[in-house]
Amino acid sequence: MDVPFGHKESQAEAEEDRLSALPDDILLNILERLYLHNLMHTSTLSRRWRHLPLLISRLVLHVDEFLQCSESRTIGKVMVSYCEATTKLLASTTSAIKDIRLSFYLADPCHLHSIGQAVGNAVQSSNIDFLEFNIWPEIRGTRCTEEHRMLFGQRFMSFLDACPNTFGSLTSITLRNLQFGEADMQTIMNTCDNLQALSLHSCMLGNTHSVLKIDAPSSQLVALEFSRCYFSQVELACLPRLARLVYDTWLSIKSPLLFGYVPRLRNIRVACALLSWQMPFTLSGCLSNTSSLSTLYLDFHDEMVWFQPEDPKKLVHAFSNLKVVHLYGIFADCDLKWTLLFLEAAPFLHSFYVNISRHICGRYKLSCADNAEKTNVMWEPSDFKHYNLNLLDIEGFQKEEKLISYIKLVMERAVTLRNIHLHYMERCERCDSINKQAAFPIMAKFHNNEGEHNLIRKLVTNGSSSSSLSSVEIIIE
C-alpha cells in the first residue's frame, strides 16, 4: 500500500528529530567521520546542527576531496581551495581541535607556507594531541623522474625550514618521491622532535651509493617505514624508542638494513622480490645488534629467498626474545627444511607461520625488471628439540609428500606443539584468468570434505615418534 507523500515527509522529519535529540558528543563522533563537504552541509540542517561543525575535535582533510569536485582543475587551483578550507576550518575550531590529519600536494611554496602557518596557529592556541602530514608529489599521470625528486626534495626542505614550530609538533609524516641531501635526514629528525611515525616511499639520496644514516638519541620515533627506496643501505645508528620497522622492496645490492642502538625494537617486517643483480645476505649480519625482537615477518614475494641460511647459533642473540615468525611468499618448489633454523635459533618461539605461494600471475614483479632466478635453498637442520612452540600454521597447503614430511619434521622437534593449522591457497582471480587462457591449465586442488581431511591427518601422524602426538590438534581449512 502506497504511503501518502505528506506522511513520508513527516516520517523523515521524525527520523531527523530523533537524530537531533542525541547528545553533542555522539553527534560530533558521527560528524568527524564525514567528508568535508558533507560535514559543512550539516550546519544548514537546522539550528540544532549549526554550531556542531565548529566543535569537532578531529579534522581530516584529504586533497582528493577537492580533486573529485572537478578533475579538470590544475593541482595549483586545487591547492588554493585546499589551503583556504584548511585555514578557515582551523581558525574556527581551534578551541576544540585535538587531532589534525592533513593530506596534500607538495605544491607551490606559498601554498605550503599557508598550510604551515594555519597549523602553527592552531598548535599555539590549542592542545593538539595528534598532528599528521601525508604529503604527495605534485605530479599526476606522469612517471616521477630523478629531476622531479630533486625538485620535490628541495621544496620540502624549504617548507620544513619555513615552519619549524609546525614540524616540531608533528606526530606522523609520510613523504613520497623525494631526493634528500646528505644532511637532510638529520635536519628532519632534529626539527621534528615530537615525531613518532615516519614513512618514506620511493625516496633517495643525492648520491645513490650513500647510506641513509639516522642517529637521533633524543628521537620519539616509534614506527619507521621504507617502501621502494633507493638507498644503498639504511643504518639506524640510534633510535632509542623505535618499536616497529617495515622495509618493503629495497633497490640496493647488499643488505638493506644495519642496526645500531635500537633497544625497544619489537616488530620487524621485511619484504622484497629479489632482482637479478641483488645479492642474498645473512640475517646475523643484519640483526646482530638487536635482542628485543618479538615478531619477525619476512616476505619473499613469491620469488627467490633473499637471505642465506646459516648456523642458528649466530642468530641466538638476535632471536633470544622472538615469539612469532611469519615466513610469507615462499615459492612452491622451494624446500622448507631451512625454515627450521628459526626454531633452533629462537628458543621462546610459540607461533610459526609459513606461507607457500602457488601464484602463477607474477603479482609482485616490478615492471621492466628481471627477478633473480628461483634457486632451491638447501639446508639440513640438526637434531635439536624445541620446548615452547605451540602453533604451526601453513598457508598454501597441498597434499604432497614434501609438505607432509616437513610437518612431521617440525612435530619431531617441537615437543610442546599443540596446534597445526593447514590452509589451502585462496583463490586468485588473476591466476584463474591465466589458467583459463592456457593450453594446459595448472589446476589448484581444493578439498573440502572430512574424509580427505582425515586422510591428511593420518598421513601426518603415521610413523611419527613424537611422544605428545595425541595432544596435537590438526585443523584443516
Protein backbone atom coordinates (compact mmCIF):
# COMPACT_ATOMS: atom_id res chain seq x y z
CA MET A 1 0.00 0.00 0.00
CA ASP A 2 1.40 3.42 -1.01
CA VAL A 3 2.22 5.85 1.77
CA PRO A 4 0.85 9.38 1.23
CA PHE A 5 3.52 11.95 0.36
CA GLY A 6 2.79 14.08 3.39
CA HIS A 7 3.16 11.05 5.67
CA LYS A 8 6.58 10.23 4.16
CA GLU A 9 7.67 13.81 4.83
CA SER A 10 6.57 13.63 8.46
CA GLN A 11 8.39 10.29 8.87
CA ALA A 12 11.63 11.88 7.60
CA GLU A 13 11.20 14.79 10.00
CA ALA A 14 10.66 12.36 12.86
CA GLU A 15 13.84 10.48 11.96
CA GLU A 16 15.77 13.78 11.88
CA ASP A 17 14.30 14.79 15.22
CA ARG A 18 15.42 11.52 16.80
CA LEU A 19 18.94 12.06 15.46
CA SER A 20 18.99 15.67 16.63
CA ALA A 21 17.93 14.54 20.09
CA LEU A 22 21.23 12.72 20.57
CA PRO A 23 23.79 14.42 22.84
CA ASP A 24 26.53 16.57 21.25
CA ASP A 25 29.34 14.11 21.90
CA ILE A 26 27.62 11.35 19.88
CA LEU A 27 26.70 13.72 17.05
CA LEU A 28 30.28 15.02 16.92
CA ASN A 29 31.60 11.47 16.77
CA ILE A 30 29.41 10.95 13.69
CA LEU A 31 30.39 14.26 12.06
CA GLU A 32 34.10 13.61 12.44
CA ARG A 33 33.75 10.60 10.15
CA LEU A 34 32.23 12.61 7.26
CA TYR A 35 33.95 14.09 4.23
CA LEU A 36 34.44 17.86 4.38
CA HIS A 37 31.57 18.73 2.00
CA ASN A 38 29.08 16.62 3.97
CA LEU A 39 30.43 17.91 7.27
CA MET A 40 29.88 21.56 6.34
CA HIS A 41 26.45 20.81 4.85
CA THR A 42 25.19 19.56 8.22
CA SER A 43 25.35 23.12 9.61
CA THR A 44 22.47 24.06 7.29
CA LEU A 45 20.11 21.32 8.52
CA SER A 46 18.70 23.20 11.50
CA ARG A 47 19.63 25.48 14.38
CA ARG A 48 20.45 22.37 16.42
CA TRP A 49 23.21 21.44 13.94
CA ARG A 50 24.52 24.93 13.08
CA HIS A 51 27.25 25.10 15.72
CA LEU A 52 28.32 21.44 15.66
CA PRO A 53 30.97 21.56 12.83
CA LEU A 54 32.82 24.18 14.88
CA LEU A 55 33.08 21.79 17.85
CA ILE A 56 34.74 18.84 16.13
CA SER A 57 37.89 17.60 17.85
CA ARG A 58 39.21 15.63 14.85
CA LEU A 59 39.86 17.27 11.49
CA VAL A 60 40.75 15.07 8.49
CA LEU A 61 41.32 16.89 5.18
CA HIS A 62 42.39 14.93 2.09
CA VAL A 63 43.22 16.73 -1.14
CA ASP A 64 41.33 14.02 -3.06
CA GLU A 65 38.06 15.55 -1.86
CA PHE A 66 38.91 18.73 -3.76
CA LEU A 67 40.03 16.84 -6.86
CA GLN A 68 36.74 14.95 -7.01
CA CYS A 69 34.83 18.23 -7.28
CA SER A 70 36.44 18.86 -10.68
CA GLU A 71 39.04 16.53 -12.16
CA SER A 72 39.86 19.11 -14.86
CA ARG A 73 41.24 21.59 -12.32
CA THR A 74 45.00 22.00 -12.10
CA ILE A 75 46.84 20.95 -8.97
CA GLY A 76 47.62 24.62 -8.32
CA LYS A 77 43.93 25.56 -8.26
CA VAL A 78 43.09 22.51 -6.16
CA MET A 79 45.70 23.54 -3.60
CA VAL A 80 44.32 27.11 -3.47
CA SER A 81 40.92 25.70 -2.46
CA TYR A 82 42.56 23.26 -0.05
CA CYS A 83 44.58 26.00 1.67
CA GLU A 84 41.54 28.26 2.02
CA ALA A 85 39.46 25.47 3.56
CA THR A 86 42.26 24.41 5.92
CA THR A 87 42.87 27.98 7.11
CA LYS A 88 39.16 28.72 7.72
CA LEU A 89 38.44 25.44 9.49
CA LEU A 90 41.47 25.62 11.77
CA ALA A 91 40.75 29.28 12.61
CA SER A 92 37.16 28.48 13.62
CA THR A 93 37.73 25.23 15.51
CA THR A 94 40.98 25.86 17.39
CA SER A 95 39.42 25.69 20.85
CA ALA A 96 38.08 22.17 20.32
CA ILE A 97 40.50 20.57 17.86
CA LYS A 98 42.79 17.86 19.23
CA ASP A 99 43.56 15.72 16.19
CA ILE A 100 44.63 17.13 12.79
CA ARG A 101 45.33 14.88 9.78
CA LEU A 102 46.17 16.65 6.52
CA SER A 103 46.90 15.05 3.14
CA PHE A 104 48.08 17.47 0.44
CA TYR A 105 50.37 18.05 -2.54
CA LEU A 106 53.93 19.29 -2.25
CA ALA A 107 52.93 22.18 -4.49
CA ASP A 108 53.79 25.89 -4.74
CA PRO A 109 55.78 27.03 -1.66
CA CYS A 110 53.26 29.79 -0.87
CA HIS A 111 50.52 27.16 -0.54
CA LEU A 112 52.72 25.04 1.72
CA HIS A 113 53.62 28.01 3.91
CA SER A 114 49.91 28.89 4.18
CA ILE A 115 49.17 25.38 5.48
CA GLY A 116 52.15 25.50 7.83
CA GLN A 117 51.09 28.87 9.27
CA ALA A 118 47.46 27.80 9.76
CA VAL A 119 48.52 24.60 11.54
CA GLY A 120 51.12 26.52 13.58
CA ASN A 121 48.46 28.94 14.81
CA ALA A 122 46.19 26.03 15.75
CA VAL A 123 49.02 24.35 17.64
CA GLN A 124 49.73 27.54 19.62
CA SER A 125 46.09 28.13 20.60
CA SER A 126 45.04 24.55 21.31
CA ASN A 127 46.45 21.43 22.92
CA ILE A 128 46.91 19.21 19.84
CA ASP A 129 47.33 15.51 20.70
CA PHE A 130 47.97 14.22 17.18
CA LEU A 131 49.22 16.01 14.05
CA GLU A 132 49.78 14.17 10.77
CA PHE A 133 51.03 15.29 7.34
CA ASN A 134 50.55 12.93 4.39
CA ILE A 135 52.41 14.64 1.54
CA TRP A 136 52.08 13.73 -2.15
CA PRO A 137 54.34 14.84 -5.03
CA GLU A 138 52.93 17.49 -7.36
CA ILE A 139 52.66 15.14 -10.31
CA ARG A 140 49.73 13.29 -11.85
CA GLY A 141 49.73 10.67 -14.60
CA THR A 142 53.47 11.07 -15.26
CA ARG A 143 56.45 8.97 -14.22
CA CYS A 144 58.44 10.60 -11.43
CA THR A 145 62.00 11.27 -12.67
CA GLU A 146 65.20 11.94 -10.73
CA GLU A 147 64.79 15.65 -11.60
CA HIS A 148 61.29 15.59 -10.08
CA ARG A 149 62.61 14.01 -6.89
CA MET A 150 65.36 16.63 -6.62
CA LEU A 151 62.83 19.47 -7.01
CA PHE A 152 60.40 17.93 -4.51
CA GLY A 153 63.21 17.32 -2.02
CA GLN A 154 64.33 20.96 -2.18
CA ARG A 155 60.72 22.15 -1.89
CA PHE A 156 60.08 20.01 1.17
CA MET A 157 63.24 21.16 2.96
CA SER A 158 62.23 24.78 2.25
CA PHE A 159 58.80 24.03 3.76
CA LEU A 160 60.45 22.48 6.81
CA ASP A 161 62.80 25.45 7.23
CA ALA A 162 59.95 27.99 6.94
CA CYS A 163 57.67 26.29 9.52
CA PRO A 164 59.90 24.78 12.26
CA ASN A 165 57.28 25.16 15.03
CA THR A 166 54.65 23.34 12.97
CA PHE A 167 57.01 20.48 12.14
CA GLY A 168 58.18 20.41 15.75
CA SER A 169 54.60 19.46 16.72
CA LEU A 170 54.21 16.72 14.08
CA THR A 171 53.31 13.24 15.33
CA SER A 172 53.35 11.44 11.97
CA ILE A 173 54.55 12.22 8.45
CA THR A 174 54.53 10.33 5.13
CA LEU A 175 56.83 11.53 2.33
CA ARG A 176 56.97 10.34 -1.28
CA ASN A 177 59.35 10.73 -4.23
CA LEU A 178 61.90 13.00 -2.54
CA GLN A 179 65.65 13.23 -3.05
CA PHE A 180 67.44 14.12 0.17
CA GLY A 181 70.79 15.81 0.60
CA GLU A 182 73.42 14.19 2.82
CA ALA A 183 72.41 16.17 5.94
CA ASP A 184 68.67 16.47 5.27
CA MET A 185 67.54 13.46 7.29
CA GLN A 186 69.42 14.69 10.35
CA THR A 187 67.75 18.10 9.91
CA ILE A 188 64.33 16.45 9.67
CA MET A 189 64.88 14.41 12.84
CA ASN A 190 66.20 17.45 14.75
CA THR A 191 63.30 19.68 13.68
CA CYS A 192 60.52 17.09 14.10
CA ASP A 193 61.46 16.35 17.70
CA ASN A 194 57.98 15.02 18.60
CA LEU A 195 57.71 12.73 15.58
CA GLN A 196 56.50 9.21 16.38
CA ALA A 197 55.90 7.76 12.90
CA LEU A 198 57.91 8.33 9.71
CA SER A 199 57.13 6.72 6.35
CA LEU A 200 59.26 7.14 3.20
CA HIS A 201 58.10 5.91 -0.22
CA SER A 202 60.29 5.93 -3.36
CA CYS A 203 62.80 8.31 -1.78
CA MET A 204 66.54 8.52 -2.46
CA LEU A 205 69.77 10.31 -1.58
CA GLY A 206 71.60 12.62 -3.99
CA ASN A 207 74.42 10.09 -4.11
CA THR A 208 72.77 6.71 -4.76
CA HIS A 209 75.80 4.95 -3.23
CA SER A 210 75.35 6.73 0.09
CA VAL A 211 73.99 5.15 3.26
CA LEU A 212 70.95 6.78 4.87
CA LYS A 213 72.02 7.13 8.49
CA ILE A 214 69.60 8.04 11.27
CA ASP A 215 71.31 8.96 14.51
CA ALA A 216 68.78 10.59 16.86
CA PRO A 217 69.36 9.88 20.57
CA SER A 218 66.52 12.23 21.61
CA SER A 219 64.03 10.99 19.00
CA GLN A 220 60.48 9.98 19.99
CA LEU A 221 60.17 7.85 16.83
CA VAL A 222 58.25 4.61 17.44
CA ALA A 223 57.36 3.46 13.90
CA LEU A 224 59.50 3.66 10.75
CA GLU A 225 58.61 2.53 7.22
CA PHE A 226 60.53 2.39 3.94
CA SER A 227 58.98 1.35 0.63
CA ARG A 228 60.82 1.05 -2.73
CA CYS A 229 63.54 3.46 -1.64
CA TYR A 230 66.83 3.92 -3.50
CA PHE A 231 69.24 3.87 -0.57
CA SER A 232 72.47 1.91 -0.67
CA GLN A 233 71.67 0.92 2.91
CA VAL A 234 69.72 2.23 5.89
CA GLU A 235 71.72 2.47 9.11
CA LEU A 236 69.66 3.01 12.25
CA ALA A 237 72.54 4.16 14.41
CA CYS A 238 70.49 5.36 17.38
CA LEU A 239 66.69 5.33 17.77
CA PRO A 240 66.06 4.53 21.44
CA ARG A 241 62.22 4.36 21.21
CA LEU A 242 61.82 2.61 17.86
CA ALA A 243 59.43 -0.35 18.22
CA ARG A 244 58.18 -1.15 14.67
CA LEU A 245 60.08 -1.23 11.38
CA VAL A 246 58.83 -2.01 7.86
CA TYR A 247 61.05 -2.22 4.77
CA ASP A 248 59.19 -3.23 1.59
CA THR A 249 61.17 -3.66 -1.64
CA TRP A 250 64.69 -2.29 -1.41
CA LEU A 251 66.63 -1.43 -4.54
CA SER A 252 70.17 -1.82 -3.20
CA ILE A 253 72.72 -4.54 -3.95
CA LYS A 254 73.55 -5.57 -0.40
CA SER A 255 71.71 -5.99 2.90
CA PRO A 256 69.17 -3.12 3.18
CA LEU A 257 69.45 -2.62 6.95
CA LEU A 258 72.08 -2.14 9.61
CA PHE A 259 71.16 -1.69 13.27
CA GLY A 260 72.93 0.24 15.99
CA TYR A 261 71.21 1.18 19.25
CA VAL A 262 67.54 0.14 18.96
CA PRO A 263 66.80 -1.33 22.42
CA ARG A 264 62.97 -1.31 22.05
CA LEU A 265 62.67 -2.71 18.54
CA ARG A 266 59.99 -5.42 18.85
CA ASN A 267 58.49 -5.84 15.40
CA ILE A 268 60.26 -6.07 12.01
CA ARG A 269 58.63 -6.68 8.64
CA VAL A 270 60.93 -7.05 5.61
CA ALA A 271 59.60 -7.86 2.12
CA CYS A 272 61.13 -7.96 -1.36
CA ALA A 273 61.07 -9.72 -4.72
CA LEU A 274 64.82 -10.03 -5.24
CA LEU A 275 66.16 -8.74 -8.57
CA SER A 276 68.84 -10.47 -10.66
CA TRP A 277 71.58 -8.00 -9.64
CA GLN A 278 70.80 -8.11 -5.91
CA MET A 279 72.65 -10.40 -3.50
CA PRO A 280 71.25 -12.57 -0.68
CA PHE A 281 72.62 -11.71 2.76
CA THR A 282 72.85 -13.29 6.21
CA LEU A 283 70.33 -12.33 8.89
CA SER A 284 73.01 -12.41 11.59
CA GLY A 285 74.98 -9.70 9.80
CA CYS A 286 71.85 -7.55 9.56
CA LEU A 287 70.35 -8.18 13.04
CA SER A 288 73.50 -8.53 15.15
CA ASN A 289 72.69 -5.56 17.41
CA THR A 290 69.06 -6.47 18.09
CA SER A 291 67.93 -8.61 21.01
CA SER A 292 64.41 -7.33 21.81
CA LEU A 293 62.62 -8.71 18.72
CA SER A 294 59.32 -10.43 19.48
CA THR A 295 57.73 -10.59 15.98
CA LEU A 296 59.54 -11.13 12.67
CA TYR A 297 57.77 -11.04 9.32
CA LEU A 298 59.78 -11.98 6.19
CA ASP A 299 58.04 -11.86 2.80
CA PHE A 300 59.77 -13.20 -0.31
CA HIS A 301 57.02 -12.05 -2.72
CA ASP A 302 56.80 -15.47 -4.42
CA GLU A 303 60.39 -15.14 -5.63
CA MET A 304 63.89 -16.20 -4.53
CA VAL A 305 64.60 -16.48 -0.80
CA TRP A 306 66.77 -13.42 -0.23
CA PHE A 307 68.77 -14.43 2.83
CA GLN A 308 71.38 -17.14 3.21
CA PRO A 309 70.75 -19.94 5.74
CA GLU A 310 73.46 -20.07 8.38
CA ASP A 311 74.44 -21.65 11.67
CA PRO A 312 71.49 -20.94 14.04
CA LYS A 313 73.97 -20.21 16.84
CA LYS A 314 74.81 -16.94 15.07
CA LEU A 315 71.19 -15.83 15.47
CA VAL A 316 70.61 -16.84 19.09
CA HIS A 317 71.34 -13.35 20.43
CA ALA A 318 69.05 -11.59 17.92
CA PHE A 319 66.26 -14.16 18.42
CA SER A 320 66.55 -14.53 22.21
CA ASN A 321 63.11 -12.94 22.75
CA LEU A 322 61.45 -13.88 19.47
CA LYS A 323 57.89 -15.19 19.94
CA VAL A 324 56.24 -15.05 16.50
CA VAL A 325 57.68 -15.68 13.00
CA HIS A 326 55.90 -15.23 9.66
CA LEU A 327 57.62 -16.56 6.52
CA TYR A 328 55.47 -15.40 3.64
CA GLY A 329 55.54 -15.87 -0.15
CA ILE A 330 57.88 -18.90 -0.33
CA PHE A 331 57.75 -20.20 -3.90
CA ALA A 332 56.06 -23.60 -4.22
CA ASP A 333 59.06 -25.65 -5.41
CA CYS A 334 61.35 -24.47 -2.64
CA ASP A 335 62.46 -26.96 0.02
CA LEU A 336 61.32 -25.99 3.53
CA LYS A 337 63.88 -27.57 5.83
CA TRP A 338 65.78 -24.27 6.06
CA THR A 339 62.85 -22.70 7.90
CA LEU A 340 63.70 -24.82 10.96
CA LEU A 341 66.71 -22.61 11.63
CA PHE A 342 64.21 -20.16 13.19
CA LEU A 343 63.06 -22.86 15.61
CA GLU A 344 66.59 -23.76 16.55
CA ALA A 345 67.73 -20.14 16.98
CA ALA A 346 64.62 -18.88 18.83
CA PRO A 347 64.05 -20.96 21.96
CA PHE A 348 60.96 -19.00 23.05
CA LEU A 349 59.14 -19.07 19.71
CA HIS A 350 55.50 -20.04 20.24
CA SER A 351 53.81 -19.31 16.86
CA PHE A 352 55.29 -20.23 13.47
CA TYR A 353 53.52 -19.17 10.25
CA VAL A 354 54.64 -20.48 6.84
CA ASN A 355 53.00 -19.25 3.63
CA ILE A 356 53.67 -21.16 0.39
CA SER A 357 52.87 -19.23 -2.76
CA ARG A 358 51.33 -21.10 -5.66
CA HIS A 359 50.59 -17.97 -7.72
CA ILE A 360 51.38 -18.02 -11.43
CA CYS A 361 50.34 -14.39 -12.05
CA GLY A 362 53.64 -12.71 -11.08
CA ARG A 363 51.77 -10.36 -8.75
CA TYR A 364 54.92 -8.78 -7.27
CA LYS A 365 57.10 -8.46 -10.37
CA LEU A 366 58.41 -4.93 -10.95
CA SER A 367 57.86 -3.55 -14.44
CA CYS A 368 60.95 -3.55 -16.68
CA ALA A 369 62.94 -5.55 -14.12
CA ASP A 370 64.40 -9.06 -14.08
CA ASN A 371 63.76 -11.04 -10.93
CA ALA A 372 66.52 -13.25 -9.55
CA GLU A 373 66.37 -16.89 -10.57
CA LYS A 374 64.44 -19.02 -8.11
CA THR A 375 67.07 -21.36 -6.70
CA ASN A 376 66.28 -24.03 -4.13
CA VAL A 377 67.51 -23.47 -0.59
CA MET A 378 69.39 -26.49 0.73
CA TRP A 379 69.96 -26.68 4.48
CA GLU A 380 69.80 -29.61 6.87
CA PRO A 381 68.61 -28.99 10.45
CA SER A 382 70.40 -30.54 13.40
CA ASP A 383 68.74 -32.98 15.77
CA PHE A 384 67.53 -30.35 18.26
CA LYS A 385 64.41 -30.10 20.46
CA HIS A 386 62.18 -27.07 20.91
CA TYR A 387 60.18 -26.68 24.13
CA ASN A 388 57.89 -23.68 23.57
CA LEU A 389 56.32 -23.89 20.10
CA ASN A 390 52.52 -24.10 20.34
CA LEU A 391 51.30 -23.37 16.81
CA LEU A 392 52.41 -24.32 13.30
CA ASP A 393 50.29 -22.57 10.65
CA ILE A 394 50.75 -23.38 6.93
CA GLU A 395 49.01 -21.47 4.13
CA GLY A 396 49.09 -22.77 0.56
CA PHE A 397 48.88 -26.37 1.77
CA GLN A 398 48.53 -29.26 -0.67
CA LYS A 399 48.52 -32.99 -0.01
CA GLU A 400 52.05 -33.65 -1.24
CA GLU A 401 54.92 -35.68 0.16
CA LYS A 402 57.23 -32.68 0.66
CA LEU A 403 54.75 -30.88 2.93
CA ILE A 404 53.73 -34.00 4.84
CA SER A 405 57.41 -34.74 5.56
CA TYR A 406 58.01 -31.13 6.61
CA ILE A 407 55.15 -31.18 9.12
CA LYS A 408 56.49 -34.42 10.59
CA LEU A 409 59.94 -32.85 10.87
CA VAL A 410 58.53 -29.93 12.88
CA MET A 411 56.47 -32.26 15.09
CA GLU A 412 59.53 -34.37 15.93
CA ARG A 413 61.48 -31.33 17.10
CA ALA A 414 58.73 -29.23 18.70
CA VAL A 415 57.99 -31.19 21.87
CA THR A 416 55.22 -28.85 23.08
CA LEU A 417 53.43 -28.40 19.74
CA ARG A 418 49.66 -28.45 20.30
CA ASN A 419 48.08 -26.90 17.20
CA ILE A 420 48.65 -27.41 13.48
CA HIS A 421 46.53 -25.27 11.14
CA LEU A 422 46.59 -26.10 7.43
CA HIS A 423 45.01 -23.74 4.88
CA TYR A 424 44.55 -24.34 1.17
CA MET A 425 45.55 -21.50 -1.14
CA GLU A 426 42.95 -18.76 -1.51
CA ARG A 427 41.52 -18.28 -4.97
CA CYS A 428 43.26 -15.61 -7.09
CA GLU A 429 41.30 -14.02 -9.96
CA ARG A 430 44.47 -13.20 -11.90
CA CYS A 431 45.74 -16.78 -11.66
CA ASP A 432 42.31 -18.11 -12.66
CA SER A 433 42.30 -15.82 -15.70
CA ILE A 434 45.74 -17.05 -16.81
CA ASN A 435 44.67 -20.65 -16.30
CA LYS A 436 41.60 -20.21 -18.49
CA GLN A 437 43.76 -18.93 -21.36
CA ALA A 438 46.48 -21.59 -21.01
CA ALA A 439 46.68 -24.61 -23.30
CA PHE A 440 47.48 -26.83 -20.30
CA PRO A 441 45.96 -25.20 -17.19
CA ILE A 442 47.60 -25.66 -13.80
CA MET A 443 44.76 -26.75 -11.59
CA ALA A 444 44.94 -25.99 -7.87
CA LYS A 445 43.46 -28.76 -5.74
CA PHE A 446 40.79 -27.71 -3.25
CA HIS A 447 39.49 -30.47 -0.99
CA ASN A 448 36.72 -29.63 1.41
CA ASN A 449 35.44 -32.93 2.75
CA GLU A 450 36.07 -34.58 6.08
CA GLY A 451 37.21 -37.86 4.52
CA GLU A 452 40.07 -36.11 2.72
CA HIS A 453 40.95 -34.19 5.89
CA ASN A 454 41.10 -37.38 7.96
CA LEU A 455 43.41 -38.94 5.38
CA ILE A 456 45.75 -35.94 5.67
CA ARG A 457 45.73 -36.20 9.47
CA LYS A 458 46.61 -39.88 9.19
CA LEU A 459 49.48 -39.20 6.76
CA VAL A 460 50.89 -36.54 9.08
CA THR A 461 50.77 -38.66 12.22
CA ASN A 462 51.74 -42.06 10.77
CA GLY A 463 55.23 -43.10 11.75
CA SER A 464 55.80 -40.07 13.97
CA SER A 465 57.92 -40.72 17.06
CA SER A 466 56.65 -37.61 18.90
CA SER A 467 55.60 -38.50 22.45
CA SER A 468 53.00 -35.69 22.51
CA LEU A 469 51.31 -36.77 19.27
CA SER A 470 47.94 -37.48 20.91
CA SER A 471 47.66 -33.90 22.17
CA VAL A 472 48.26 -32.25 18.78
CA GLU A 473 45.11 -30.85 17.13
CA ILE A 474 45.24 -30.66 13.32
CA ILE A 475 42.76 -28.20 11.81
CA ILE A 476 42.35 -28.11 8.01
CA GLU A 477 40.60 -25.16 6.41
